[in-house]
């Protein structure tokens, strides 16, 4: 990644200022390694903090500067995990809405201090100003009793307590929305995958009519789909586990019939089923982590008091038995034809 700028100093005296005359920003996706593995990073839409900054003065009134992130840098990344273009792995990128996406060469602690420093200074001045304002108003009223000093002194901690309560409520709302957003993404993939069942049943009925057990399992899945729609993660998990087992059985049966796998319709069906199963498997971990954080938070003191007042309840985990598969190549199937 690099951000290249050319600036010129224009005007003179008190009116002199630096004006940007050229800007060039470029980035390329890269792999980030940590103790848990390797994950692709897409910098599109990211807020870049830190990096190597180099400045060169062409003349006294023209300056070139470049900020870059280079191979080998240690990075802190805070973003949204999403299914990558290959369909069988996650990548970190810009999420929906106002979710933050930060990429920094600073450590997590350094970044937090940088982001929170200005807010803490403003909060300190605000609390001090509130106390002084209260004392001033009481002084103008001609009242300087001991209770007045006590009231002025209590305003600051009351103000801080109010802010803390508001932040706790906002945190609970954010965690709840994150769980709901993660489940909504899974729900979309679940419904798209269920919509493929009629196509799967058609292929089996037309070309595998002698596989009665497989046909029966697909028919049962279609009948159970309606009841699963009305349920939550636990009902969907049971449905998806049975569906994945049925699709795996279909894969095994199809291996015995090369002419079936080489068909364009069947190849596309395999591709779509695998992509959607991968989406569900990859998003399941993120959803379960969100649920774990949310459930732990609403049971911790003193947040548990606010959670009960706000009607926050425990969320169920999504424990579907699905795994990531390599996406079949549709091009290879067409070559067989």
C-alpha atoms as a PDB file:
ATOM      1  CA  UNK A   1       0.000   0.000   0.000  1.00  0.00           C
ATOM      2  CA  UNK A   2       1.176   3.526  -0.651  1.00  0.00           C
ATOM      3  CA  UNK A   3      -0.295   7.031  -0.524  1.00  0.00           C
ATOM      4  CA  UNK A   4       1.721   9.494  -2.611  1.00  0.00           C
ATOM      5  CA  UNK A   5       1.121  13.258  -2.509  1.00  0.00           C
ATOM      6  CA  UNK A   6       2.628  16.364  -4.055  1.00  0.00           C
ATOM      7  CA  UNK A   7       1.969  19.608  -2.173  1.00  0.00           C
ATOM      8  CA  UNK A   8       2.829  23.210  -3.026  1.00  0.00           C
ATOM      9  CA  UNK A   9       3.166  26.213  -0.774  1.00  0.00           C
ATOM     10  CA  UNK A  10       1.023  29.022  -2.126  1.00  0.00           C
ATOM     11  CA  UNK A  11       0.564  32.573  -0.960  1.00  0.00           C
ATOM     12  CA  UNK A  12       2.873  34.545   1.292  1.00  0.00           C
ATOM     13  CA  UNK A  13       3.040  35.764   4.828  1.00  0.00           C
ATOM     14  CA  UNK A  14       0.054  34.915   7.003  1.00  0.00           C
ATOM     15  CA  UNK A  15      -1.893  33.742   3.949  1.00  0.00           C
ATOM     16  CA  UNK A  16       0.669  31.075   2.979  1.00  0.00           C
ATOM     17  CA  UNK A  17      -0.612  27.492   2.992  1.00  0.00           C
ATOM     18  CA  UNK A  18       0.266  24.076   1.614  1.00  0.00           C
ATOM     19  CA  UNK A  19      -2.072  22.858  -1.140  1.00  0.00           C
ATOM     20  CA  UNK A  20      -2.235  19.270  -2.422  1.00  0.00           C
ATOM     21  CA  UNK A  21      -1.824  19.275  -6.208  1.00  0.00           C
ATOM     22  CA  UNK A  22      -1.539  15.534  -6.824  1.00  0.00           C
ATOM     23  CA  UNK A  23      -2.622  12.420  -4.926  1.00  0.00           C
ATOM     24  CA  UNK A  24      -2.121   8.778  -5.829  1.00  0.00           C
ATOM     25  CA  UNK A  25      -3.280   5.891  -3.624  1.00  0.00           C
ATOM     26  CA  UNK A  26      -2.739   2.263  -4.575  1.00  0.00           C
ATOM     27  CA  UNK A  27      -3.032  -1.030  -2.764  1.00  0.00           C
ATOM     28  CA  UNK A  28      -3.020  -4.718  -3.518  1.00  0.00           C
ATOM     29  CA  UNK A  29      -4.580  -7.609  -1.574  1.00  0.00           C
ATOM     30  CA  UNK A  30      -2.072  -9.483   0.567  1.00  0.00           C
ATOM     31  CA  UNK A  31      -1.833 -12.327   3.077  1.00  0.00           C
ATOM     32  CA  UNK A  32      -1.511 -11.594   6.785  1.00  0.00           C
ATOM     33  CA  UNK A  33      -0.033 -14.295   9.005  1.00  0.00           C
ATOM     34  CA  UNK A  34      -0.654 -14.718  12.730  1.00  0.00           C
ATOM     35  CA  UNK A  35      -0.386 -17.678  15.153  1.00  0.00           C
ATOM     36  CA  UNK A  36      -3.797 -18.987  14.048  1.00  0.00           C
ATOM     37  CA  UNK A  37      -3.007 -19.082  10.317  1.00  0.00           C
ATOM     38  CA  UNK A  38      -3.090 -16.917   7.189  1.00  0.00           C
ATOM     39  CA  UNK A  39      -5.923 -14.644   6.069  1.00  0.00           C
ATOM     40  CA  UNK A  40      -6.261 -12.477   2.915  1.00  0.00           C
ATOM     41  CA  UNK A  41      -6.605  -8.721   3.483  1.00  0.00           C
ATOM     42  CA  UNK A  42      -8.439  -6.423   1.057  1.00  0.00           C
ATOM     43  CA  UNK A  43      -7.569  -2.784   1.810  1.00  0.00           C
ATOM     44  CA  UNK A  44     -10.461  -1.263  -0.156  1.00  0.00           C
ATOM     45  CA  UNK A  45     -12.290   1.140   2.160  1.00  0.00           C
ATOM     46  CA  UNK A  46      -9.803   0.760   5.025  1.00  0.00           C
ATOM     47  CA  UNK A  47      -8.610   3.566   7.286  1.00  0.00           C
ATOM     48  CA  UNK A  48      -4.814   3.326   7.176  1.00  0.00           C
ATOM     49  CA  UNK A  49      -2.994   4.436  10.326  1.00  0.00           C
ATOM     50  CA  UNK A  50       0.771   4.628  10.614  1.00  0.00           C
ATOM     51  CA  UNK A  51       3.150   3.218   8.041  1.00  0.00           C
ATOM     52  CA  UNK A  52       6.506   4.415   6.754  1.00  0.00           C
ATOM     53  CA  UNK A  53       6.427   8.127   5.875  1.00  0.00           C
ATOM     54  CA  UNK A  54       9.070   9.619   3.584  1.00  0.00           C
ATOM     55  CA  UNK A  55       9.212  13.289   2.572  1.00  0.00           C
ATOM     56  CA  UNK A  56      11.385  15.000  -0.037  1.00  0.00           C
ATOM     57  CA  UNK A  57      11.487  18.711  -0.841  1.00  0.00           C
ATOM     58  CA  UNK A  58      11.816  19.356  -4.560  1.00  0.00           C
ATOM     59  CA  UNK A  59      12.074  23.098  -3.899  1.00  0.00           C
ATOM     60  CA  UNK A  60      11.282  25.296  -0.922  1.00  0.00           C
ATOM     61  CA  UNK A  61       7.693  25.531  -2.190  1.00  0.00           C
ATOM     62  CA  UNK A  62       7.114  22.015  -3.542  1.00  0.00           C
ATOM     63  CA  UNK A  63       7.144  18.830  -1.467  1.00  0.00           C
ATOM     64  CA  UNK A  64       6.756  15.105  -2.220  1.00  0.00           C
ATOM     65  CA  UNK A  65       5.563  12.721   0.505  1.00  0.00           C
ATOM     66  CA  UNK A  66       4.762   9.023   0.565  1.00  0.00           C
ATOM     67  CA  UNK A  67       3.213   6.818   3.233  1.00  0.00           C
ATOM     68  CA  UNK A  68       3.512   3.071   2.698  1.00  0.00           C
ATOM     69  CA  UNK A  69       2.911  -0.326   4.264  1.00  0.00           C
ATOM     70  CA  UNK A  70       5.538  -2.808   3.164  1.00  0.00           C
ATOM     71  CA  UNK A  71       6.059  -6.536   3.214  1.00  0.00           C
ATOM     72  CA  UNK A  72       7.192  -7.713   6.633  1.00  0.00           C
ATOM     73  CA  UNK A  73       5.426  -4.982   8.613  1.00  0.00           C
ATOM     74  CA  UNK A  74       3.572  -6.015  11.765  1.00  0.00           C
ATOM     75  CA  UNK A  75      -0.062  -4.966  11.398  1.00  0.00           C
ATOM     76  CA  UNK A  76      -3.121  -4.626  13.586  1.00  0.00           C
ATOM     77  CA  UNK A  77      -6.302  -5.180  11.545  1.00  0.00           C
ATOM     78  CA  UNK A  78      -9.861  -4.564  12.732  1.00  0.00           C
ATOM     79  CA  UNK A  79     -12.441  -5.345  10.053  1.00  0.00           C
ATOM     80  CA  UNK A  80     -15.218  -7.652   8.915  1.00  0.00           C
ATOM     81  CA  UNK A  81     -14.650 -11.263   7.893  1.00  0.00           C
ATOM     82  CA  UNK A  82     -16.416 -12.133   4.651  1.00  0.00           C
ATOM     83  CA  UNK A  83     -16.336 -14.969   2.150  1.00  0.00           C
ATOM     84  CA  UNK A  84     -13.641 -14.359  -0.462  1.00  0.00           C
ATOM     85  CA  UNK A  85     -13.987 -14.609  -4.264  1.00  0.00           C
ATOM     86  CA  UNK A  86     -12.812 -18.244  -4.272  1.00  0.00           C
ATOM     87  CA  UNK A  87     -15.776 -19.229  -2.096  1.00  0.00           C
ATOM     88  CA  UNK A  88     -13.768 -21.512   0.211  1.00  0.00           C
ATOM     89  CA  UNK A  89     -11.994 -19.097   2.561  1.00  0.00           C
ATOM     90  CA  UNK A  90     -12.577 -15.887   4.494  1.00  0.00           C
ATOM     91  CA  UNK A  91     -10.945 -12.531   3.885  1.00  0.00           C
ATOM     92  CA  UNK A  92     -10.886  -9.342   5.957  1.00  0.00           C
ATOM     93  CA  UNK A  93     -12.502  -6.329   4.317  1.00  0.00           C
ATOM     94  CA  UNK A  94     -14.866  -3.388   4.719  1.00  0.00           C
ATOM     95  CA  UNK A  95     -18.144  -4.404   6.336  1.00  0.00           C
ATOM     96  CA  UNK A  96     -21.612  -3.007   5.835  1.00  0.00           C
ATOM     97  CA  UNK A  97     -22.774   0.326   7.219  1.00  0.00           C
ATOM     98  CA  UNK A  98     -20.622   2.223   9.688  1.00  0.00           C
ATOM     99  CA  UNK A  99     -18.559  -0.723  10.928  1.00  0.00           C
ATOM    100  CA  UNK A 100     -14.921   0.332  11.412  1.00  0.00           C
ATOM    101  CA  UNK A 101     -12.178  -1.035   9.192  1.00  0.00           C
ATOM    102  CA  UNK A 102      -8.730  -0.164  10.522  1.00  0.00           C
ATOM    103  CA  UNK A 103      -5.316  -1.274   9.299  1.00  0.00           C
ATOM    104  CA  UNK A 104      -2.437   0.035  11.376  1.00  0.00           C
ATOM    105  CA  UNK A 105       1.269  -0.489  11.898  1.00  0.00           C
ATOM    106  CA  UNK A 106       0.678   0.539  15.519  1.00  0.00           C
ATOM    107  CA  UNK A 107      -0.006  -2.098  18.150  1.00  0.00           C
ATOM    108  CA  UNK A 108      -3.527  -2.535  19.499  1.00  0.00           C
ATOM    109  CA  UNK A 109      -2.621  -0.658  22.684  1.00  0.00           C
ATOM    110  CA  UNK A 110      -0.966   2.201  20.790  1.00  0.00           C
ATOM    111  CA  UNK A 111      -3.951   2.479  18.466  1.00  0.00           C
ATOM    112  CA  UNK A 112      -6.426   2.502  21.361  1.00  0.00           C
ATOM    113  CA  UNK A 113      -4.453   5.237  23.115  1.00  0.00           C
ATOM    114  CA  UNK A 114      -4.335   7.264  19.907  1.00  0.00           C
ATOM    115  CA  UNK A 115      -8.086   6.941  19.325  1.00  0.00           C
ATOM    116  CA  UNK A 116      -9.100   7.385  22.958  1.00  0.00           C
ATOM    117  CA  UNK A 117      -6.620  10.106  23.919  1.00  0.00           C
ATOM    118  CA  UNK A 118      -8.575  12.994  22.421  1.00  0.00           C
ATOM    119  CA  UNK A 119     -11.827  11.706  23.904  1.00  0.00           C
ATOM    120  CA  UNK A 120     -10.333  11.380  27.389  1.00  0.00           C
ATOM    121  CA  UNK A 121      -8.963  14.929  27.229  1.00  0.00           C
ATOM    122  CA  UNK A 122     -12.362  16.251  26.127  1.00  0.00           C
ATOM    123  CA  UNK A 123     -14.080  14.282  28.916  1.00  0.00           C
ATOM    124  CA  UNK A 124     -11.673  15.662  31.530  1.00  0.00           C
ATOM    125  CA  UNK A 125     -12.229  19.258  30.423  1.00  0.00           C
ATOM    126  CA  UNK A 126     -15.981  18.629  30.267  1.00  0.00           C
ATOM    127  CA  UNK A 127     -16.145  17.335  33.842  1.00  0.00           C
ATOM    128  CA  UNK A 128     -13.948  20.162  35.126  1.00  0.00           C
ATOM    129  CA  UNK A 129     -15.977  22.725  33.215  1.00  0.00           C
ATOM    130  CA  UNK A 130     -19.223  21.334  34.618  1.00  0.00           C
ATOM    131  CA  UNK A 131     -17.938  21.672  38.187  1.00  0.00           C
ATOM    132  CA  UNK A 132     -16.683  25.223  37.601  1.00  0.00           C
ATOM    133  CA  UNK A 133     -19.947  26.205  35.920  1.00  0.00           C
ATOM    134  CA  UNK A 134     -21.926  24.892  38.890  1.00  0.00           C
ATOM    135  CA  UNK A 135     -19.730  26.837  41.318  1.00  0.00           C
ATOM    136  CA  UNK A 136     -20.118  29.967  39.206  1.00  0.00           C
ATOM    137  CA  UNK A 137     -23.894  29.707  39.121  1.00  0.00           C
ATOM    138  CA  UNK A 138     -24.042  29.163  42.868  1.00  0.00           C
ATOM    139  CA  UNK A 139     -21.730  32.117  43.400  1.00  0.00           C
ATOM    140  CA  UNK A 140     -23.901  34.384  41.272  1.00  0.00           C
ATOM    141  CA  UNK A 141     -26.881  33.298  43.339  1.00  0.00           C
ATOM    142  CA  UNK A 142     -25.024  34.406  46.461  1.00  0.00           C
ATOM    143  CA  UNK A 143     -25.064  30.933  47.966  1.00  0.00           C
ATOM    144  CA  UNK A 144     -21.877  29.244  49.139  1.00  0.00           C
ATOM    145  CA  UNK A 145     -23.113  26.854  51.777  1.00  0.00           C
ATOM    146  CA  UNK A 146     -21.390  23.516  52.393  1.00  0.00           C
ATOM    147  CA  UNK A 147     -24.215  21.696  50.619  1.00  0.00           C
ATOM    148  CA  UNK A 148     -23.624  23.851  47.537  1.00  0.00           C
ATOM    149  CA  UNK A 149     -19.996  22.777  47.366  1.00  0.00           C
ATOM    150  CA  UNK A 150     -21.088  19.161  47.839  1.00  0.00           C
ATOM    151  CA  UNK A 151     -23.638  19.482  45.016  1.00  0.00           C
ATOM    152  CA  UNK A 152     -21.061  20.996  42.681  1.00  0.00           C
ATOM    153  CA  UNK A 153     -18.579  18.240  43.546  1.00  0.00           C
ATOM    154  CA  UNK A 154     -21.193  15.531  42.876  1.00  0.00           C
ATOM    155  CA  UNK A 155     -22.098  16.829  39.422  1.00  0.00           C
ATOM    156  CA  UNK A 156     -18.913  15.463  37.834  1.00  0.00           C
ATOM    157  CA  UNK A 157     -19.255  11.836  39.064  1.00  0.00           C
ATOM    158  CA  UNK A 158     -22.993  11.890  38.254  1.00  0.00           C
ATOM    159  CA  UNK A 159     -22.126  13.089  34.754  1.00  0.00           C
ATOM    160  CA  UNK A 160     -19.511  10.324  34.394  1.00  0.00           C
ATOM    161  CA  UNK A 161     -21.927   7.684  35.717  1.00  0.00           C
ATOM    162  CA  UNK A 162     -24.543   8.784  33.183  1.00  0.00           C
ATOM    163  CA  UNK A 163     -22.013   8.501  30.366  1.00  0.00           C
ATOM    164  CA  UNK A 164     -20.938   5.025  31.538  1.00  0.00           C
ATOM    165  CA  UNK A 165     -24.537   3.795  31.685  1.00  0.00           C
ATOM    166  CA  UNK A 166     -25.187   5.179  28.209  1.00  0.00           C
ATOM    167  CA  UNK A 167     -22.061   3.493  26.858  1.00  0.00           C
ATOM    168  CA  UNK A 168     -23.096   0.170  28.409  1.00  0.00           C
ATOM    169  CA  UNK A 169     -26.515   0.390  26.769  1.00  0.00           C
ATOM    170  CA  UNK A 170     -24.882   1.243  23.436  1.00  0.00           C
ATOM    171  CA  UNK A 171     -22.467  -1.684  23.772  1.00  0.00           C
ATOM    172  CA  UNK A 172     -25.355  -4.070  24.425  1.00  0.00           C
ATOM    173  CA  UNK A 173     -27.234  -2.727  21.414  1.00  0.00           C
ATOM    174  CA  UNK A 174     -24.117  -3.075  19.248  1.00  0.00           C
ATOM    175  CA  UNK A 175     -23.480  -6.675  20.352  1.00  0.00           C
ATOM    176  CA  UNK A 176     -27.130  -7.600  19.806  1.00  0.00           C
ATOM    177  CA  UNK A 177     -27.128  -6.044  16.334  1.00  0.00           C
ATOM    178  CA  UNK A 178     -23.896  -7.865  15.476  1.00  0.00           C
ATOM    179  CA  UNK A 179     -25.467 -11.206  16.419  1.00  0.00           C
ATOM    180  CA  UNK A 180     -28.594 -10.427  14.392  1.00  0.00           C
ATOM    181  CA  UNK A 181     -26.559  -9.268  11.391  1.00  0.00           C
ATOM    182  CA  UNK A 182     -24.395 -12.414  11.499  1.00  0.00           C
ATOM    183  CA  UNK A 183     -27.485 -14.610  11.678  1.00  0.00           C
ATOM    184  CA  UNK A 184     -29.175 -12.683   8.847  1.00  0.00           C
ATOM    185  CA  UNK A 185     -26.195 -13.457   6.587  1.00  0.00           C
ATOM    186  CA  UNK A 186     -26.390 -17.156   7.458  1.00  0.00           C
ATOM    187  CA  UNK A 187     -30.172 -17.126   7.003  1.00  0.00           C
ATOM    188  CA  UNK A 188     -29.819 -15.800   3.445  1.00  0.00           C
ATOM    189  CA  UNK A 189     -27.364 -18.584   2.552  1.00  0.00           C
ATOM    190  CA  UNK A 190     -29.595 -21.193   4.203  1.00  0.00           C
ATOM    191  CA  UNK A 191     -32.605 -20.141   2.162  1.00  0.00           C
ATOM    192  CA  UNK A 192     -30.616 -19.990  -1.084  1.00  0.00           C
ATOM    193  CA  UNK A 193     -29.269 -23.479  -0.406  1.00  0.00           C
ATOM    194  CA  UNK A 194     -32.762 -24.804   0.398  1.00  0.00           C
ATOM    195  CA  UNK A 195     -33.980 -23.342  -2.910  1.00  0.00           C
ATOM    196  CA  UNK A 196     -31.589 -25.744  -4.677  1.00  0.00           C
ATOM    197  CA  UNK A 197     -33.370 -28.802  -3.264  1.00  0.00           C
ATOM    198  CA  UNK A 198     -35.988 -28.947  -6.069  1.00  0.00           C
ATOM    199  CA  UNK A 199     -33.178 -28.952  -8.651  1.00  0.00           C
ATOM    200  CA  UNK A 200     -31.351 -31.673  -6.753  1.00  0.00           C
ATOM    201  CA  UNK A 201     -34.526 -33.731  -6.568  1.00  0.00           C
ATOM    202  CA  UNK A 202     -35.101 -33.303 -10.323  1.00  0.00           C
ATOM    203  CA  UNK A 203     -31.596 -34.549 -11.159  1.00  0.00           C
ATOM    204  CA  UNK A 204     -31.949 -37.563  -8.879  1.00  0.00           C
ATOM    205  CA  UNK A 205     -35.443 -38.414 -10.177  1.00  0.00           C
ATOM    206  CA  UNK A 206     -34.406 -38.126 -13.822  1.00  0.00           C
ATOM    207  CA  UNK A 207     -31.014 -39.834 -13.767  1.00  0.00           C
ATOM    208  CA  UNK A 208     -30.892 -41.801 -10.513  1.00  0.00           C
ATOM    209  CA  UNK A 209     -34.417 -43.167 -10.315  1.00  0.00           C
ATOM    210  CA  UNK A 210     -33.115 -46.439  -8.831  1.00  0.00           C
ATOM    211  CA  UNK A 211     -31.610 -44.598  -5.818  1.00  0.00           C
ATOM    212  CA  UNK A 212     -34.821 -44.740  -3.787  1.00  0.00           C
ATOM    213  CA  UNK A 213     -33.164 -43.990  -0.435  1.00  0.00           C
ATOM    214  CA  UNK A 214     -31.595 -40.795  -1.748  1.00  0.00           C
ATOM    215  CA  UNK A 215     -34.887 -39.673  -3.297  1.00  0.00           C
ATOM    216  CA  UNK A 216     -36.700 -40.285  -0.027  1.00  0.00           C
ATOM    217  CA  UNK A 217     -34.170 -38.270   1.986  1.00  0.00           C
ATOM    218  CA  UNK A 218     -34.435 -35.304  -0.391  1.00  0.00           C
ATOM    219  CA  UNK A 219     -38.239 -35.420  -0.234  1.00  0.00           C
ATOM    220  CA  UNK A 220     -38.102 -35.423   3.572  1.00  0.00           C
ATOM    221  CA  UNK A 221     -35.762 -32.447   3.545  1.00  0.00           C
ATOM    222  CA  UNK A 222     -38.143 -30.458   1.357  1.00  0.00           C
ATOM    223  CA  UNK A 223     -41.035 -31.189   3.696  1.00  0.00           C
ATOM    224  CA  UNK A 224     -38.971 -30.187   6.747  1.00  0.00           C
ATOM    225  CA  UNK A 225     -37.852 -26.927   5.179  1.00  0.00           C
ATOM    226  CA  UNK A 226     -41.105 -25.110   6.016  1.00  0.00           C
ATOM    227  CA  UNK A 227     -40.927 -26.022   9.713  1.00  0.00           C
ATOM    228  CA  UNK A 228     -37.262 -25.002   9.916  1.00  0.00           C
ATOM    229  CA  UNK A 229     -38.040 -21.555   8.504  1.00  0.00           C
ATOM    230  CA  UNK A 230     -40.176 -20.763  11.534  1.00  0.00           C
ATOM    231  CA  UNK A 231     -37.467 -21.885  13.958  1.00  0.00           C
ATOM    232  CA  UNK A 232     -34.207 -20.422  15.158  1.00  0.00           C
ATOM    233  CA  UNK A 233     -30.549 -21.458  14.969  1.00  0.00           C
ATOM    234  CA  UNK A 234     -31.125 -24.798  16.728  1.00  0.00           C
ATOM    235  CA  UNK A 235     -33.846 -25.918  14.266  1.00  0.00           C
ATOM    236  CA  UNK A 236     -31.831 -24.687  11.301  1.00  0.00           C
ATOM    237  CA  UNK A 237     -28.710 -26.467  12.585  1.00  0.00           C
ATOM    238  CA  UNK A 238     -30.535 -29.797  12.644  1.00  0.00           C
ATOM    239  CA  UNK A 239     -31.922 -29.193   9.154  1.00  0.00           C
ATOM    240  CA  UNK A 240     -28.533 -28.176   7.722  1.00  0.00           C
ATOM    241  CA  UNK A 241     -26.772 -31.166   9.300  1.00  0.00           C
ATOM    242  CA  UNK A 242     -29.240 -33.564   7.664  1.00  0.00           C
ATOM    243  CA  UNK A 243     -29.076 -31.644   4.391  1.00  0.00           C
ATOM    244  CA  UNK A 244     -25.262 -31.759   4.330  1.00  0.00           C
ATOM    245  CA  UNK A 245     -25.360 -35.520   4.940  1.00  0.00           C
ATOM    246  CA  UNK A 246     -27.820 -35.917   2.044  1.00  0.00           C
ATOM    247  CA  UNK A 247     -25.675 -33.824  -0.299  1.00  0.00           C
ATOM    248  CA  UNK A 248     -22.600 -35.847   0.709  1.00  0.00           C
ATOM    249  CA  UNK A 249     -24.526 -39.025  -0.134  1.00  0.00           C
ATOM    250  CA  UNK A 250     -25.407 -37.492  -3.503  1.00  0.00           C
ATOM    251  CA  UNK A 251     -21.720 -36.746  -4.114  1.00  0.00           C
ATOM    252  CA  UNK A 252     -20.786 -40.358  -3.339  1.00  0.00           C
ATOM    253  CA  UNK A 253     -23.497 -41.702  -5.652  1.00  0.00           C
ATOM    254  CA  UNK A 254     -22.523 -39.283  -8.425  1.00  0.00           C
ATOM    255  CA  UNK A 255     -18.915 -40.495  -8.269  1.00  0.00           C
ATOM    256  CA  UNK A 256     -20.142 -43.851  -9.600  1.00  0.00           C
ATOM    257  CA  UNK A 257     -21.690 -42.160 -12.648  1.00  0.00           C
ATOM    258  CA  UNK A 258     -19.102 -40.066 -14.545  1.00  0.00           C
ATOM    259  CA  UNK A 259     -21.669 -39.132 -17.190  1.00  0.00           C
ATOM    260  CA  UNK A 260     -23.816 -37.584 -14.447  1.00  0.00           C
ATOM    261  CA  UNK A 261     -21.014 -35.449 -13.005  1.00  0.00           C
ATOM    262  CA  UNK A 262     -19.991 -34.276 -16.468  1.00  0.00           C
ATOM    263  CA  UNK A 263     -23.433 -32.849 -17.191  1.00  0.00           C
ATOM    264  CA  UNK A 264     -23.613 -29.055 -17.238  1.00  0.00           C
ATOM    265  CA  UNK A 265     -26.718 -28.888 -15.028  1.00  0.00           C
ATOM    266  CA  UNK A 266     -25.278 -31.268 -12.437  1.00  0.00           C
ATOM    267  CA  UNK A 267     -21.911 -29.492 -12.445  1.00  0.00           C
ATOM    268  CA  UNK A 268     -23.548 -26.135 -11.805  1.00  0.00           C
ATOM    269  CA  UNK A 269     -25.677 -27.696  -9.066  1.00  0.00           C
ATOM    270  CA  UNK A 270     -22.573 -29.144  -7.384  1.00  0.00           C
ATOM    271  CA  UNK A 271     -20.853 -25.777  -7.657  1.00  0.00           C
ATOM    272  CA  UNK A 272     -23.769 -23.837  -6.130  1.00  0.00           C
ATOM    273  CA  UNK A 273     -24.288 -26.362  -3.323  1.00  0.00           C
ATOM    274  CA  UNK A 274     -20.603 -26.286  -2.413  1.00  0.00           C
ATOM    275  CA  UNK A 275     -20.353 -22.485  -2.494  1.00  0.00           C
ATOM    276  CA  UNK A 276     -23.370 -22.077  -0.231  1.00  0.00           C
ATOM    277  CA  UNK A 277     -22.213 -24.794   2.164  1.00  0.00           C
ATOM    278  CA  UNK A 278     -18.841 -23.059   2.372  1.00  0.00           C
ATOM    279  CA  UNK A 279     -20.554 -19.740   3.099  1.00  0.00           C
ATOM    280  CA  UNK A 280     -22.524 -21.312   5.935  1.00  0.00           C
ATOM    281  CA  UNK A 281     -19.482 -23.105   7.375  1.00  0.00           C
ATOM    282  CA  UNK A 282     -17.299 -19.989   7.225  1.00  0.00           C
ATOM    283  CA  UNK A 283     -19.936 -17.671   8.699  1.00  0.00           C
ATOM    284  CA  UNK A 284     -20.911 -20.140  11.427  1.00  0.00           C
ATOM    285  CA  UNK A 285     -17.747 -19.511  13.433  1.00  0.00           C
ATOM    286  CA  UNK A 286     -18.212 -15.733  13.283  1.00  0.00           C
ATOM    287  CA  UNK A 287     -21.829 -16.033  14.383  1.00  0.00           C
ATOM    288  CA  UNK A 288     -20.979 -18.348  17.285  1.00  0.00           C
ATOM    289  CA  UNK A 289     -18.196 -16.021  18.446  1.00  0.00           C
ATOM    290  CA  UNK A 290     -20.638 -13.088  18.378  1.00  0.00           C
ATOM    291  CA  UNK A 291     -23.154 -15.112  20.392  1.00  0.00           C
ATOM    292  CA  UNK A 292     -20.498 -16.124  22.937  1.00  0.00           C
ATOM    293  CA  UNK A 293     -19.419 -12.506  23.489  1.00  0.00           C
ATOM    294  CA  UNK A 294     -23.034 -11.330  23.708  1.00  0.00           C
ATOM    295  CA  UNK A 295     -24.100 -14.069  26.146  1.00  0.00           C
ATOM    296  CA  UNK A 296     -21.044 -13.499  28.340  1.00  0.00           C
ATOM    297  CA  UNK A 297     -21.619  -9.740  28.407  1.00  0.00           C
ATOM    298  CA  UNK A 298     -25.283  -9.885  29.432  1.00  0.00           C
ATOM    299  CA  UNK A 299     -24.379 -12.199  32.333  1.00  0.00           C
ATOM    300  CA  UNK A 300     -21.535 -10.039  33.664  1.00  0.00           C
ATOM    301  CA  UNK A 301     -22.021  -7.589  36.516  1.00  0.00           C
ATOM    302  CA  UNK A 302     -23.035  -4.741  36.347  1.00  0.00           C
ATOM    303  CA  UNK A 303     -24.083  -5.156  32.709  1.00  0.00           C
ATOM    304  CA  UNK A 304     -26.526  -7.908  33.715  1.00  0.00           C
ATOM    305  CA  UNK A 305     -28.714  -5.268  35.426  1.00  0.00           C
ATOM    306  CA  UNK A 306     -28.922  -3.135  32.287  1.00  0.00           C
ATOM    307  CA  UNK A 307     -29.445  -6.240  30.143  1.00  0.00           C
ATOM    308  CA  UNK A 308     -32.496  -7.260  32.169  1.00  0.00           C
ATOM    309  CA  UNK A 309     -33.901  -3.749  32.036  1.00  0.00           C
ATOM    310  CA  UNK A 310     -33.412  -3.712  28.268  1.00  0.00           C
ATOM    311  CA  UNK A 311     -34.945  -7.158  27.733  1.00  0.00           C
ATOM    312  CA  UNK A 312     -31.737  -8.780  26.442  1.00  0.00           C
ATOM    313  CA  UNK A 313     -31.865 -12.588  26.438  1.00  0.00           C
ATOM    314  CA  UNK A 314     -29.364 -15.350  25.697  1.00  0.00           C
ATOM    315  CA  UNK A 315     -28.969 -16.354  22.052  1.00  0.00           C
ATOM    316  CA  UNK A 316     -28.630 -19.911  20.779  1.00  0.00           C
ATOM    317  CA  UNK A 317     -25.478 -21.148  19.053  1.00  0.00           C
ATOM    318  CA  UNK A 318     -25.563 -22.473  15.493  1.00  0.00           C
ATOM    319  CA  UNK A 319     -24.048 -25.955  15.747  1.00  0.00           C
ATOM    320  CA  UNK A 320     -24.637 -27.269  12.242  1.00  0.00           C
ATOM    321  CA  UNK A 321     -22.262 -30.049  11.193  1.00  0.00           C
ATOM    322  CA  UNK A 322     -20.952 -28.512   7.967  1.00  0.00           C
ATOM    323  CA  UNK A 323     -17.425 -28.015   6.680  1.00  0.00           C
ATOM    324  CA  UNK A 324     -15.607 -26.144   3.935  1.00  0.00           C
ATOM    325  CA  UNK A 325     -15.144 -28.045   0.655  1.00  0.00           C
ATOM    326  CA  UNK A 326     -13.014 -27.210  -2.340  1.00  0.00           C
ATOM    327  CA  UNK A 327     -15.230 -25.548  -4.923  1.00  0.00           C
ATOM    328  CA  UNK A 328     -15.526 -27.788  -8.015  1.00  0.00           C
ATOM    329  CA  UNK A 329     -14.334 -26.295 -11.276  1.00  0.00           C
ATOM    330  CA  UNK A 330     -17.150 -25.834 -13.746  1.00  0.00           C
ATOM    331  CA  UNK A 331     -14.595 -25.410 -16.526  1.00  0.00           C
ATOM    332  CA  UNK A 332     -13.171 -28.883 -15.947  1.00  0.00           C
ATOM    333  CA  UNK A 333     -16.655 -30.369 -16.199  1.00  0.00           C
ATOM    334  CA  UNK A 334     -17.240 -28.631 -19.505  1.00  0.00           C
ATOM    335  CA  UNK A 335     -13.976 -30.038 -20.857  1.00  0.00           C
ATOM    336  CA  UNK A 336     -15.214 -33.546 -20.068  1.00  0.00           C
ATOM    337  CA  UNK A 337     -18.220 -32.879 -22.276  1.00  0.00           C
END
